N, C-alpha and C. Protein backbone atom coordinates (compact mmCIF):
# COMPACT_ATOMS: atom_id res chain seq x y z
N UNK A 1 0.83 -1.20 0.00
CA UNK A 1 0.00 0.00 0.00
C UNK A 1 0.87 1.25 0.00
N UNK A 2 2.00 1.21 0.74
CA UNK A 2 2.87 2.37 0.80
C UNK A 2 3.45 2.70 -0.58
N UNK A 3 3.82 1.67 -1.36
CA UNK A 3 4.40 1.94 -2.68
C UNK A 3 3.36 2.56 -3.61
N UNK A 4 2.10 2.17 -3.49
CA UNK A 4 1.05 2.77 -4.29
C UNK A 4 0.88 4.25 -3.95
N UNK A 5 0.88 4.59 -2.66
CA UNK A 5 0.77 5.99 -2.26
C UNK A 5 1.97 6.79 -2.74
N UNK A 6 3.15 6.21 -2.65
CA UNK A 6 4.36 6.90 -3.12
C UNK A 6 4.28 7.16 -4.63
N UNK A 7 3.81 6.16 -5.40
CA UNK A 7 3.67 6.31 -6.85
C UNK A 7 2.63 7.38 -7.17
N UNK A 8 1.53 7.38 -6.45
CA UNK A 8 0.50 8.40 -6.66
C UNK A 8 1.05 9.79 -6.38
N UNK A 9 1.78 9.94 -5.27
CA UNK A 9 2.38 11.23 -4.93
C UNK A 9 3.35 11.67 -6.03
N UNK A 10 4.17 10.74 -6.52
CA UNK A 10 5.15 11.06 -7.56
C UNK A 10 4.45 11.50 -8.84
N UNK A 11 3.42 10.77 -9.26
CA UNK A 11 2.70 11.13 -10.49
C UNK A 11 2.00 12.48 -10.35
N UNK A 12 1.38 12.73 -9.22
CA UNK A 12 0.73 14.02 -9.00
C UNK A 12 1.75 15.15 -9.03
N UNK A 13 2.89 14.94 -8.43
CA UNK A 13 3.94 15.96 -8.42
C UNK A 13 4.44 16.23 -9.84
N UNK A 14 4.62 15.18 -10.63
CA UNK A 14 5.11 15.36 -12.01
C UNK A 14 4.08 16.08 -12.87
N UNK A 15 2.79 15.71 -12.73
CA UNK A 15 1.77 16.33 -13.56
C UNK A 15 1.54 17.78 -13.17
N UNK A 16 1.79 18.13 -11.93
CA UNK A 16 1.62 19.52 -11.52
C UNK A 16 2.70 20.41 -12.13
N UNK A 17 3.83 19.84 -12.46
CA UNK A 17 4.94 20.63 -12.98
C UNK A 17 5.09 20.52 -14.50
N UNK A 18 4.14 19.88 -15.16
CA UNK A 18 4.21 19.72 -16.60
C UNK A 18 2.99 20.38 -17.23
N UNK A 19 3.23 21.14 -18.27
CA UNK A 19 2.17 21.83 -18.97
C UNK A 19 2.19 21.38 -20.43
N UNK A 20 1.08 20.88 -20.92
CA UNK A 20 0.97 20.48 -22.32
C UNK A 20 0.14 21.53 -23.05
N UNK A 21 0.69 22.02 -24.14
CA UNK A 21 0.01 23.05 -24.93
C UNK A 21 -0.16 22.53 -26.34
N UNK A 22 -1.38 22.62 -26.87
CA UNK A 22 -1.63 22.25 -28.26
C UNK A 22 -1.35 23.46 -29.14
N UNK A 23 -0.51 23.28 -30.14
CA UNK A 23 -0.13 24.36 -31.05
C UNK A 23 -0.63 24.01 -32.45
N UNK A 24 -1.39 24.91 -33.07
CA UNK A 24 -1.82 24.74 -34.45
C UNK A 24 -0.85 25.45 -35.38
N UNK A 25 -0.46 24.77 -36.45
CA UNK A 25 0.42 25.33 -37.47
C UNK A 25 -0.35 25.34 -38.78
N UNK A 26 -0.48 26.52 -39.39
CA UNK A 26 -1.15 26.64 -40.68
C UNK A 26 -0.11 26.58 -41.79
N UNK A 27 -0.33 25.66 -42.73
CA UNK A 27 0.55 25.51 -43.89
C UNK A 27 -0.24 25.97 -45.10
N UNK A 28 0.12 27.13 -45.63
CA UNK A 28 -0.60 27.66 -46.79
C UNK A 28 -0.29 26.80 -48.01
N UNK A 29 -1.18 26.83 -48.97
CA UNK A 29 -1.02 26.01 -50.18
C UNK A 29 0.27 26.30 -50.93
N UNK A 30 0.80 27.52 -50.80
CA UNK A 30 2.02 27.88 -51.53
C UNK A 30 3.30 27.57 -50.74
N UNK A 31 3.17 26.94 -49.57
CA UNK A 31 4.34 26.55 -48.79
C UNK A 31 5.06 25.41 -49.52
N UNK A 32 6.38 25.49 -49.56
CA UNK A 32 7.17 24.49 -50.30
C UNK A 32 7.18 23.12 -49.64
N UNK A 33 6.63 23.00 -48.44
CA UNK A 33 6.57 21.68 -47.81
C UNK A 33 5.44 20.82 -48.38
N UNK A 34 4.52 21.44 -49.13
CA UNK A 34 3.48 20.67 -49.82
C UNK A 34 4.02 20.32 -51.20
N UNK A 35 4.01 19.04 -51.52
CA UNK A 35 4.50 18.56 -52.81
C UNK A 35 3.31 18.17 -53.67
N UNK A 36 3.26 18.73 -54.89
CA UNK A 36 2.15 18.50 -55.81
C UNK A 36 2.60 17.60 -56.95
N UNK A 37 1.72 16.66 -57.34
CA UNK A 37 2.03 15.79 -58.47
C UNK A 37 0.73 15.32 -59.12
N UNK A 38 0.79 14.84 -60.38
CA UNK A 38 1.96 14.82 -61.26
C UNK A 38 2.33 16.23 -61.72
N UNK A 39 3.52 16.35 -62.26
CA UNK A 39 4.02 17.66 -62.72
C UNK A 39 3.04 18.27 -63.71
N UNK A 40 2.75 19.55 -63.51
CA UNK A 40 1.86 20.27 -64.41
C UNK A 40 0.38 20.06 -64.17
N UNK A 41 0.01 19.25 -63.19
CA UNK A 41 -1.40 18.96 -62.94
C UNK A 41 -2.05 19.91 -61.95
N UNK A 42 -1.25 20.77 -61.31
CA UNK A 42 -1.76 21.74 -60.34
C UNK A 42 -1.37 23.14 -60.81
N UNK A 43 -2.27 24.11 -60.60
CA UNK A 43 -1.99 25.51 -60.91
C UNK A 43 -1.87 26.29 -59.61
N UNK A 44 -0.73 26.98 -59.42
CA UNK A 44 -0.56 27.88 -58.27
C UNK A 44 -1.24 29.18 -58.64
N UNK A 45 -2.21 29.61 -57.84
CA UNK A 45 -3.02 30.77 -58.19
C UNK A 45 -2.95 31.83 -57.10
N UNK A 46 -3.08 33.09 -57.50
CA UNK A 46 -3.19 34.21 -56.58
C UNK A 46 -3.83 35.38 -57.30
N UNK A 47 -4.09 36.45 -56.58
CA UNK A 47 -4.77 37.61 -57.17
C UNK A 47 -3.92 38.30 -58.22
N UNK A 48 -2.61 38.27 -58.06
CA UNK A 48 -1.71 38.99 -58.97
C UNK A 48 -1.53 38.30 -60.31
N UNK A 49 -1.70 36.99 -60.36
CA UNK A 49 -1.50 36.28 -61.62
C UNK A 49 -2.82 35.68 -62.08
N UNK A 50 -3.39 36.29 -63.09
CA UNK A 50 -4.67 35.80 -63.59
C UNK A 50 -4.45 34.53 -64.42
N UNK A 51 -5.49 33.76 -64.55
CA UNK A 51 -5.43 32.53 -65.33
C UNK A 51 -6.70 32.47 -66.17
N UNK A 52 -6.69 33.14 -67.33
CA UNK A 52 -7.89 33.15 -68.17
C UNK A 52 -8.34 31.76 -68.60
N UNK A 53 -7.40 30.83 -68.73
CA UNK A 53 -7.75 29.47 -69.16
C UNK A 53 -8.39 28.66 -68.03
N UNK A 54 -8.20 29.10 -66.79
CA UNK A 54 -8.77 28.37 -65.64
C UNK A 54 -10.26 28.68 -65.53
N UNK A 55 -11.07 27.64 -65.42
CA UNK A 55 -12.51 27.87 -65.31
C UNK A 55 -12.91 28.27 -63.89
N UNK A 56 -12.18 27.83 -62.89
CA UNK A 56 -12.48 28.21 -61.50
C UNK A 56 -11.87 29.58 -61.22
N UNK A 57 -12.70 30.50 -60.78
CA UNK A 57 -12.25 31.87 -60.48
C UNK A 57 -12.76 32.31 -59.11
N UNK A 58 -12.29 31.67 -58.03
CA UNK A 58 -12.73 32.09 -56.70
C UNK A 58 -12.18 33.47 -56.34
N UNK A 59 -12.74 34.07 -55.32
CA UNK A 59 -12.32 35.39 -54.85
C UNK A 59 -11.04 35.25 -54.02
N UNK A 60 -9.91 35.79 -54.50
CA UNK A 60 -8.64 35.65 -53.77
C UNK A 60 -8.68 36.26 -52.37
N UNK A 61 -9.52 37.27 -52.15
CA UNK A 61 -9.56 37.91 -50.83
C UNK A 61 -10.19 37.00 -49.77
N UNK A 62 -10.82 35.93 -50.20
CA UNK A 62 -11.44 35.00 -49.26
C UNK A 62 -10.59 33.74 -49.04
N UNK A 63 -9.40 33.73 -49.65
CA UNK A 63 -8.47 32.61 -49.47
C UNK A 63 -7.36 33.06 -48.52
N UNK A 64 -6.88 32.14 -47.68
CA UNK A 64 -5.78 32.47 -46.77
C UNK A 64 -4.57 32.90 -47.61
N UNK A 65 -3.99 34.03 -47.28
CA UNK A 65 -2.85 34.63 -48.00
C UNK A 65 -3.18 34.97 -49.44
N UNK A 66 -4.44 34.90 -49.84
CA UNK A 66 -4.83 35.23 -51.20
C UNK A 66 -4.35 34.24 -52.24
N UNK A 67 -3.99 33.01 -51.82
CA UNK A 67 -3.46 32.01 -52.75
C UNK A 67 -4.23 30.70 -52.64
N UNK A 68 -4.13 29.89 -53.68
CA UNK A 68 -4.68 28.54 -53.68
C UNK A 68 -4.04 27.74 -54.80
N UNK A 69 -4.14 26.45 -54.71
CA UNK A 69 -3.70 25.54 -55.78
C UNK A 69 -4.94 24.85 -56.31
N UNK A 70 -5.10 24.87 -57.63
CA UNK A 70 -6.25 24.17 -58.18
C UNK A 70 -5.81 23.06 -59.12
N UNK A 71 -6.64 22.05 -59.16
CA UNK A 71 -6.38 20.89 -60.00
C UNK A 71 -7.70 20.23 -60.35
N UNK A 72 -7.81 19.81 -61.59
CA UNK A 72 -9.00 19.08 -62.03
C UNK A 72 -8.59 17.70 -62.49
N UNK A 73 -9.26 16.70 -61.95
CA UNK A 73 -9.09 15.33 -62.41
C UNK A 73 -10.08 15.12 -63.54
N UNK A 74 -9.56 14.62 -64.67
CA UNK A 74 -10.41 14.33 -65.83
C UNK A 74 -10.42 12.83 -66.09
N UNK A 75 -11.60 12.20 -66.08
CA UNK A 75 -11.66 10.80 -66.49
C UNK A 75 -11.59 10.72 -68.02
N UNK A 76 -11.40 9.55 -68.53
CA UNK A 76 -11.38 9.38 -69.99
C UNK A 76 -12.80 9.48 -70.51
N UNK A 77 -13.00 10.35 -71.49
CA UNK A 77 -14.26 10.39 -72.24
C UNK A 77 -13.94 10.94 -73.62
N UNK A 78 -14.97 11.11 -74.43
CA UNK A 78 -14.78 11.51 -75.83
C UNK A 78 -13.98 12.80 -76.00
N UNK A 79 -14.16 13.79 -75.12
CA UNK A 79 -13.55 15.09 -75.35
C UNK A 79 -12.29 15.39 -74.56
N UNK A 80 -11.71 14.41 -73.89
CA UNK A 80 -10.59 14.72 -73.01
C UNK A 80 -9.28 14.05 -73.40
N UNK A 81 -9.18 13.49 -74.58
CA UNK A 81 -7.97 12.74 -74.95
C UNK A 81 -6.73 13.62 -75.10
N UNK A 82 -6.90 14.92 -75.29
CA UNK A 82 -5.74 15.80 -75.47
C UNK A 82 -5.26 16.43 -74.16
N UNK A 83 -5.86 16.08 -73.04
CA UNK A 83 -5.48 16.64 -71.74
C UNK A 83 -4.33 15.81 -71.16
N UNK A 84 -3.24 16.47 -70.71
CA UNK A 84 -2.13 15.71 -70.10
C UNK A 84 -2.58 14.99 -68.83
N UNK A 85 -1.98 13.87 -68.55
CA UNK A 85 -2.27 13.08 -67.34
C UNK A 85 -3.74 12.71 -67.22
N UNK A 86 -4.35 12.38 -68.37
CA UNK A 86 -5.76 12.01 -68.36
C UNK A 86 -5.98 10.76 -67.50
N UNK A 87 -7.05 10.74 -66.76
CA UNK A 87 -7.45 9.62 -65.92
C UNK A 87 -6.39 9.27 -64.87
N UNK A 88 -5.57 10.25 -64.51
CA UNK A 88 -4.54 10.07 -63.48
C UNK A 88 -4.88 10.95 -62.28
N UNK A 89 -5.09 10.36 -61.11
CA UNK A 89 -5.38 11.18 -59.93
C UNK A 89 -4.26 12.19 -59.68
N UNK A 90 -4.63 13.29 -59.04
CA UNK A 90 -3.68 14.34 -58.66
C UNK A 90 -3.43 14.22 -57.16
N UNK A 91 -2.22 14.58 -56.73
CA UNK A 91 -1.84 14.40 -55.33
C UNK A 91 -1.21 15.66 -54.74
N UNK A 92 -1.49 15.90 -53.46
CA UNK A 92 -0.81 16.92 -52.67
C UNK A 92 -0.34 16.22 -51.40
N UNK A 93 0.98 16.25 -51.13
CA UNK A 93 1.58 15.54 -49.99
C UNK A 93 2.18 16.53 -49.00
N UNK A 94 1.97 16.27 -47.72
CA UNK A 94 2.58 17.08 -46.67
C UNK A 94 3.08 16.16 -45.56
N UNK A 95 4.35 16.29 -45.21
CA UNK A 95 4.90 15.59 -44.05
C UNK A 95 4.95 16.59 -42.89
N UNK A 96 4.44 16.17 -41.74
CA UNK A 96 4.36 17.07 -40.58
C UNK A 96 4.61 16.26 -39.31
N UNK A 97 4.89 16.96 -38.23
CA UNK A 97 5.10 16.34 -36.93
C UNK A 97 3.97 16.81 -36.02
N UNK A 98 3.02 15.94 -35.73
CA UNK A 98 1.88 16.36 -34.93
C UNK A 98 0.97 15.23 -34.54
N UNK A 99 -0.20 15.61 -34.00
CA UNK A 99 -1.18 14.63 -33.54
C UNK A 99 -2.56 14.85 -34.14
N UNK A 100 -2.69 15.84 -35.02
CA UNK A 100 -3.96 16.10 -35.70
C UNK A 100 -3.68 16.85 -37.00
N UNK A 101 -4.61 16.72 -37.97
CA UNK A 101 -4.44 17.41 -39.24
C UNK A 101 -5.82 17.74 -39.81
N UNK A 102 -5.91 18.90 -40.46
CA UNK A 102 -7.16 19.41 -41.02
C UNK A 102 -6.86 20.00 -42.39
N UNK A 103 -7.73 19.73 -43.38
CA UNK A 103 -7.54 20.24 -44.74
C UNK A 103 -8.71 21.14 -45.10
N UNK A 104 -8.40 22.33 -45.65
CA UNK A 104 -9.42 23.31 -46.00
C UNK A 104 -9.31 23.67 -47.48
N UNK A 105 -10.46 23.65 -48.15
CA UNK A 105 -10.53 23.98 -49.58
C UNK A 105 -11.64 24.98 -49.81
N UNK A 106 -11.62 25.58 -50.99
CA UNK A 106 -12.79 26.30 -51.48
C UNK A 106 -13.54 25.31 -52.37
N UNK A 107 -14.86 25.36 -52.34
CA UNK A 107 -15.67 24.46 -53.15
C UNK A 107 -16.47 25.28 -54.14
N UNK A 108 -16.41 24.88 -55.41
CA UNK A 108 -17.22 25.52 -56.45
C UNK A 108 -18.57 24.82 -56.47
N UNK A 109 -19.64 25.60 -56.58
CA UNK A 109 -20.97 25.01 -56.60
C UNK A 109 -21.53 24.83 -58.00
N UNK A 110 -20.80 25.32 -59.03
CA UNK A 110 -21.32 25.26 -60.39
C UNK A 110 -21.20 23.85 -60.97
N UNK A 111 -22.09 23.56 -61.92
CA UNK A 111 -22.11 22.26 -62.56
C UNK A 111 -21.19 22.24 -63.78
N UNK A 112 -21.05 23.37 -64.46
CA UNK A 112 -20.21 23.46 -65.65
C UNK A 112 -19.37 24.71 -65.60
N UNK A 113 -18.14 24.55 -66.01
CA UNK A 113 -17.21 25.67 -66.17
C UNK A 113 -17.13 26.59 -64.95
N UNK A 114 -16.62 26.17 -63.84
CA UNK A 114 -15.98 24.87 -63.62
C UNK A 114 -16.98 23.81 -63.19
N UNK A 115 -16.60 22.57 -63.40
CA UNK A 115 -17.37 21.45 -62.87
C UNK A 115 -17.01 21.35 -61.40
N UNK A 116 -17.94 21.66 -60.53
CA UNK A 116 -17.66 21.75 -59.10
C UNK A 116 -17.75 20.45 -58.33
N UNK A 117 -17.79 19.31 -59.02
CA UNK A 117 -17.78 18.03 -58.29
C UNK A 117 -16.50 17.90 -57.49
N UNK A 118 -16.60 17.36 -56.29
CA UNK A 118 -15.42 17.08 -55.46
C UNK A 118 -15.38 15.60 -55.14
N UNK A 119 -14.24 14.98 -55.40
CA UNK A 119 -14.04 13.56 -55.09
C UNK A 119 -12.61 13.40 -54.60
N UNK A 120 -12.43 13.47 -53.28
CA UNK A 120 -11.10 13.41 -52.68
C UNK A 120 -10.99 12.23 -51.73
N UNK A 121 -9.79 11.67 -51.68
CA UNK A 121 -9.45 10.65 -50.69
C UNK A 121 -8.27 11.17 -49.89
N UNK A 122 -8.20 10.79 -48.62
CA UNK A 122 -7.15 11.27 -47.72
C UNK A 122 -6.45 10.08 -47.08
N UNK A 123 -5.13 10.07 -47.20
CA UNK A 123 -4.30 9.01 -46.64
C UNK A 123 -3.36 9.63 -45.61
N UNK A 124 -3.19 8.94 -44.49
CA UNK A 124 -2.20 9.33 -43.50
C UNK A 124 -1.29 8.12 -43.30
N UNK A 125 -0.01 8.33 -43.54
CA UNK A 125 0.98 7.26 -43.41
C UNK A 125 0.60 6.03 -44.24
N UNK A 126 0.07 6.28 -45.43
CA UNK A 126 -0.26 5.20 -46.36
C UNK A 126 -1.60 4.53 -46.12
N UNK A 127 -2.31 4.91 -45.07
CA UNK A 127 -3.61 4.31 -44.75
C UNK A 127 -4.74 5.26 -45.15
N UNK A 128 -5.73 4.73 -45.86
CA UNK A 128 -6.89 5.53 -46.22
C UNK A 128 -7.62 5.93 -44.94
N UNK A 129 -7.78 7.25 -44.73
CA UNK A 129 -8.39 7.74 -43.50
C UNK A 129 -9.71 8.47 -43.73
N UNK A 130 -10.06 8.74 -44.98
CA UNK A 130 -11.32 9.42 -45.22
C UNK A 130 -11.52 9.79 -46.67
N UNK A 131 -12.78 10.08 -46.99
CA UNK A 131 -13.18 10.55 -48.31
C UNK A 131 -13.98 11.84 -48.16
N UNK A 132 -13.93 12.65 -49.18
CA UNK A 132 -14.85 13.78 -49.28
C UNK A 132 -15.41 13.74 -50.68
N UNK A 133 -16.70 13.48 -50.80
CA UNK A 133 -17.36 13.45 -52.10
C UNK A 133 -18.58 14.35 -52.02
N UNK A 134 -18.66 15.26 -52.97
CA UNK A 134 -19.84 16.13 -53.02
C UNK A 134 -20.07 16.53 -54.46
N UNK A 135 -21.25 16.21 -55.00
CA UNK A 135 -21.57 16.69 -56.34
C UNK A 135 -21.82 18.19 -56.31
N UNK A 136 -21.60 18.84 -57.44
CA UNK A 136 -21.84 20.28 -57.53
C UNK A 136 -23.30 20.58 -57.22
N UNK A 137 -23.53 21.68 -56.52
CA UNK A 137 -24.88 22.03 -56.09
C UNK A 137 -25.69 22.74 -57.18
N UNK A 138 -25.02 23.21 -58.24
CA UNK A 138 -25.72 23.82 -59.36
C UNK A 138 -25.88 25.32 -59.26
N UNK A 139 -25.10 25.99 -58.43
CA UNK A 139 -25.16 27.45 -58.30
C UNK A 139 -23.94 28.06 -58.98
N UNK A 140 -24.14 28.67 -60.14
CA UNK A 140 -23.03 29.24 -60.91
C UNK A 140 -22.38 30.40 -60.17
N UNK A 141 -21.06 30.49 -60.30
CA UNK A 141 -20.25 31.58 -59.75
C UNK A 141 -20.35 31.71 -58.23
N UNK A 142 -20.67 30.63 -57.54
CA UNK A 142 -20.73 30.65 -56.08
C UNK A 142 -19.70 29.66 -55.56
N UNK A 143 -18.94 30.11 -54.56
CA UNK A 143 -17.91 29.29 -53.93
C UNK A 143 -18.13 29.30 -52.42
N UNK A 144 -17.81 28.19 -51.79
CA UNK A 144 -17.76 28.12 -50.33
C UNK A 144 -16.29 28.15 -49.96
N UNK A 145 -15.92 29.00 -49.01
CA UNK A 145 -14.51 29.20 -48.67
C UNK A 145 -14.17 28.58 -47.32
N UNK A 146 -12.89 28.22 -47.18
CA UNK A 146 -12.35 27.65 -45.94
C UNK A 146 -13.22 26.50 -45.44
N UNK A 147 -13.60 25.64 -46.39
CA UNK A 147 -14.47 24.51 -46.10
C UNK A 147 -13.61 23.33 -45.61
N UNK A 148 -13.91 22.78 -44.42
CA UNK A 148 -13.11 21.65 -43.92
C UNK A 148 -13.50 20.35 -44.64
N UNK A 149 -12.60 19.85 -45.50
CA UNK A 149 -12.89 18.64 -46.27
C UNK A 149 -12.34 17.38 -45.59
N UNK A 150 -11.44 17.56 -44.61
CA UNK A 150 -10.87 16.41 -43.90
C UNK A 150 -10.36 16.85 -42.55
N UNK A 151 -10.57 15.99 -41.55
CA UNK A 151 -9.96 16.23 -40.23
C UNK A 151 -9.70 14.89 -39.56
N UNK A 152 -8.60 14.84 -38.85
CA UNK A 152 -8.26 13.67 -38.03
C UNK A 152 -7.52 14.20 -36.81
N UNK A 153 -8.15 14.08 -35.65
CA UNK A 153 -7.52 14.58 -34.42
C UNK A 153 -7.14 13.46 -33.47
N UNK A 154 -6.93 12.27 -34.02
CA UNK A 154 -6.58 11.14 -33.15
C UNK A 154 -5.29 10.44 -33.59
N UNK A 155 -4.37 11.18 -34.18
CA UNK A 155 -3.09 10.60 -34.59
C UNK A 155 -2.16 10.49 -33.38
N UNK A 156 -1.34 9.47 -33.39
CA UNK A 156 -0.30 9.36 -32.36
C UNK A 156 0.70 10.50 -32.59
N UNK A 157 1.14 11.19 -31.54
CA UNK A 157 2.11 12.26 -31.74
C UNK A 157 3.35 11.73 -32.46
N UNK A 158 3.82 12.50 -33.45
CA UNK A 158 5.00 12.10 -34.21
C UNK A 158 4.91 12.54 -35.65
N UNK A 159 5.85 12.05 -36.46
CA UNK A 159 5.90 12.43 -37.87
C UNK A 159 4.88 11.63 -38.67
N UNK A 160 4.16 12.32 -39.54
CA UNK A 160 3.13 11.70 -40.39
C UNK A 160 3.22 12.30 -41.79
N UNK A 161 2.71 11.55 -42.75
CA UNK A 161 2.58 12.05 -44.11
C UNK A 161 1.12 12.01 -44.51
N UNK A 162 0.60 13.17 -44.89
CA UNK A 162 -0.77 13.31 -45.38
C UNK A 162 -0.74 13.34 -46.90
N UNK A 163 -1.62 12.60 -47.54
CA UNK A 163 -1.77 12.65 -48.99
C UNK A 163 -3.23 12.96 -49.31
N UNK A 164 -3.44 14.05 -50.03
CA UNK A 164 -4.76 14.37 -50.59
C UNK A 164 -4.74 13.84 -52.01
N UNK A 165 -5.71 13.00 -52.35
CA UNK A 165 -5.83 12.47 -53.71
C UNK A 165 -7.08 13.07 -54.34
N UNK A 166 -6.91 13.72 -55.49
CA UNK A 166 -8.03 14.27 -56.23
C UNK A 166 -8.39 13.32 -57.36
N UNK A 167 -9.59 12.74 -57.30
CA UNK A 167 -10.08 11.87 -58.36
C UNK A 167 -9.71 10.42 -58.17
N UNK A 168 -10.44 9.56 -58.89
CA UNK A 168 -10.19 8.12 -58.90
C UNK A 168 -10.17 7.66 -60.35
N UNK A 169 -9.29 6.71 -60.67
CA UNK A 169 -9.22 6.18 -62.03
C UNK A 169 -10.61 5.73 -62.45
N UNK A 170 -11.03 6.20 -63.63
CA UNK A 170 -12.36 5.93 -64.20
C UNK A 170 -13.50 6.49 -63.34
N UNK A 171 -13.18 7.45 -62.46
CA UNK A 171 -14.21 8.08 -61.64
C UNK A 171 -14.83 9.27 -62.36
N UNK A 172 -15.39 10.19 -61.59
CA UNK A 172 -16.01 11.38 -62.17
C UNK A 172 -15.02 12.54 -62.16
N UNK A 173 -15.29 13.54 -62.98
CA UNK A 173 -14.45 14.74 -62.99
C UNK A 173 -14.50 15.37 -61.60
N UNK A 174 -13.35 15.86 -61.12
CA UNK A 174 -13.28 16.39 -59.76
C UNK A 174 -12.36 17.60 -59.70
N UNK A 175 -12.83 18.65 -59.05
CA UNK A 175 -12.07 19.90 -58.88
C UNK A 175 -11.64 20.04 -57.43
N UNK A 176 -10.35 20.38 -57.22
CA UNK A 176 -9.85 20.72 -55.88
C UNK A 176 -9.28 22.12 -55.93
N UNK A 177 -9.70 22.96 -54.99
CA UNK A 177 -9.15 24.31 -54.80
C UNK A 177 -8.56 24.31 -53.39
N UNK A 178 -7.32 23.83 -53.27
CA UNK A 178 -6.68 23.69 -51.95
C UNK A 178 -6.26 25.05 -51.43
N UNK A 179 -6.74 25.40 -50.24
CA UNK A 179 -6.41 26.69 -49.63
C UNK A 179 -5.30 26.53 -48.58
N UNK A 180 -5.50 25.66 -47.58
CA UNK A 180 -4.47 25.49 -46.55
C UNK A 180 -4.71 24.20 -45.77
N UNK A 181 -3.67 23.80 -45.03
CA UNK A 181 -3.71 22.63 -44.16
C UNK A 181 -3.26 23.09 -42.78
N UNK A 182 -3.92 22.59 -41.75
CA UNK A 182 -3.52 22.89 -40.37
C UNK A 182 -3.15 21.56 -39.70
N UNK A 183 -2.02 21.57 -39.00
CA UNK A 183 -1.71 20.41 -38.16
C UNK A 183 -1.47 20.89 -36.74
N UNK A 184 -1.68 19.99 -35.79
CA UNK A 184 -1.55 20.30 -34.36
C UNK A 184 -0.44 19.45 -33.77
N UNK A 185 0.41 20.08 -32.98
CA UNK A 185 1.40 19.31 -32.23
C UNK A 185 1.31 19.69 -30.76
N UNK A 186 1.83 18.81 -29.91
CA UNK A 186 1.78 19.01 -28.46
C UNK A 186 3.13 19.54 -28.00
N UNK A 187 3.11 20.70 -27.36
CA UNK A 187 4.31 21.27 -26.76
C UNK A 187 4.26 20.94 -25.27
N UNK A 188 5.25 20.23 -24.80
CA UNK A 188 5.31 19.88 -23.37
C UNK A 188 6.30 20.81 -22.71
N UNK A 189 5.81 21.56 -21.74
CA UNK A 189 6.63 22.55 -21.05
C UNK A 189 6.75 22.14 -19.59
N UNK A 190 7.95 22.01 -19.13
CA UNK A 190 8.21 21.68 -17.72
C UNK A 190 8.85 22.89 -17.07
N UNK A 191 8.07 23.67 -16.29
CA UNK A 191 8.65 24.85 -15.63
C UNK A 191 9.77 24.47 -14.67
N UNK A 192 10.74 25.35 -14.56
CA UNK A 192 11.89 25.09 -13.66
C UNK A 192 11.51 25.28 -12.22
């Protein structure tokens, strides 16, 4: 019984002197720690560089830092044979050290030009952890901003790799307007 009381006293003393703080880190889409593939399948966008050929035209003032990366997955059909990387999913990878991760995108609601369908899969450390599928709502020129398309707050603390996959082979056309990713890590502070 005495050893149990001693252990309890020791644990209480240690926990009183330790402070755990959750820290959120925002990784903007233009941060070089996010790797985009295949080459040429993603467009880095901002207010200063217009893209007349891009069908998605969200409001840059509603995006974090005024930037976003867009990518459209095209399945094989009659009119898409001249598009590079046809029927090839697009990927955005981020390696981070933390215990939670959240992905935020803008969503287009239009059915055509741009096709606002969203079909994303999310992998953490090679394991499928979630899907986000939403057909376009049919509202032209309307976007939803800072929309949480994925969250996982139950990761073991440590290094992880997140993969956002846009589209599935032989799936439907899918648009991703990646705005930012947030990850959380635990800061353990032991006061002197």
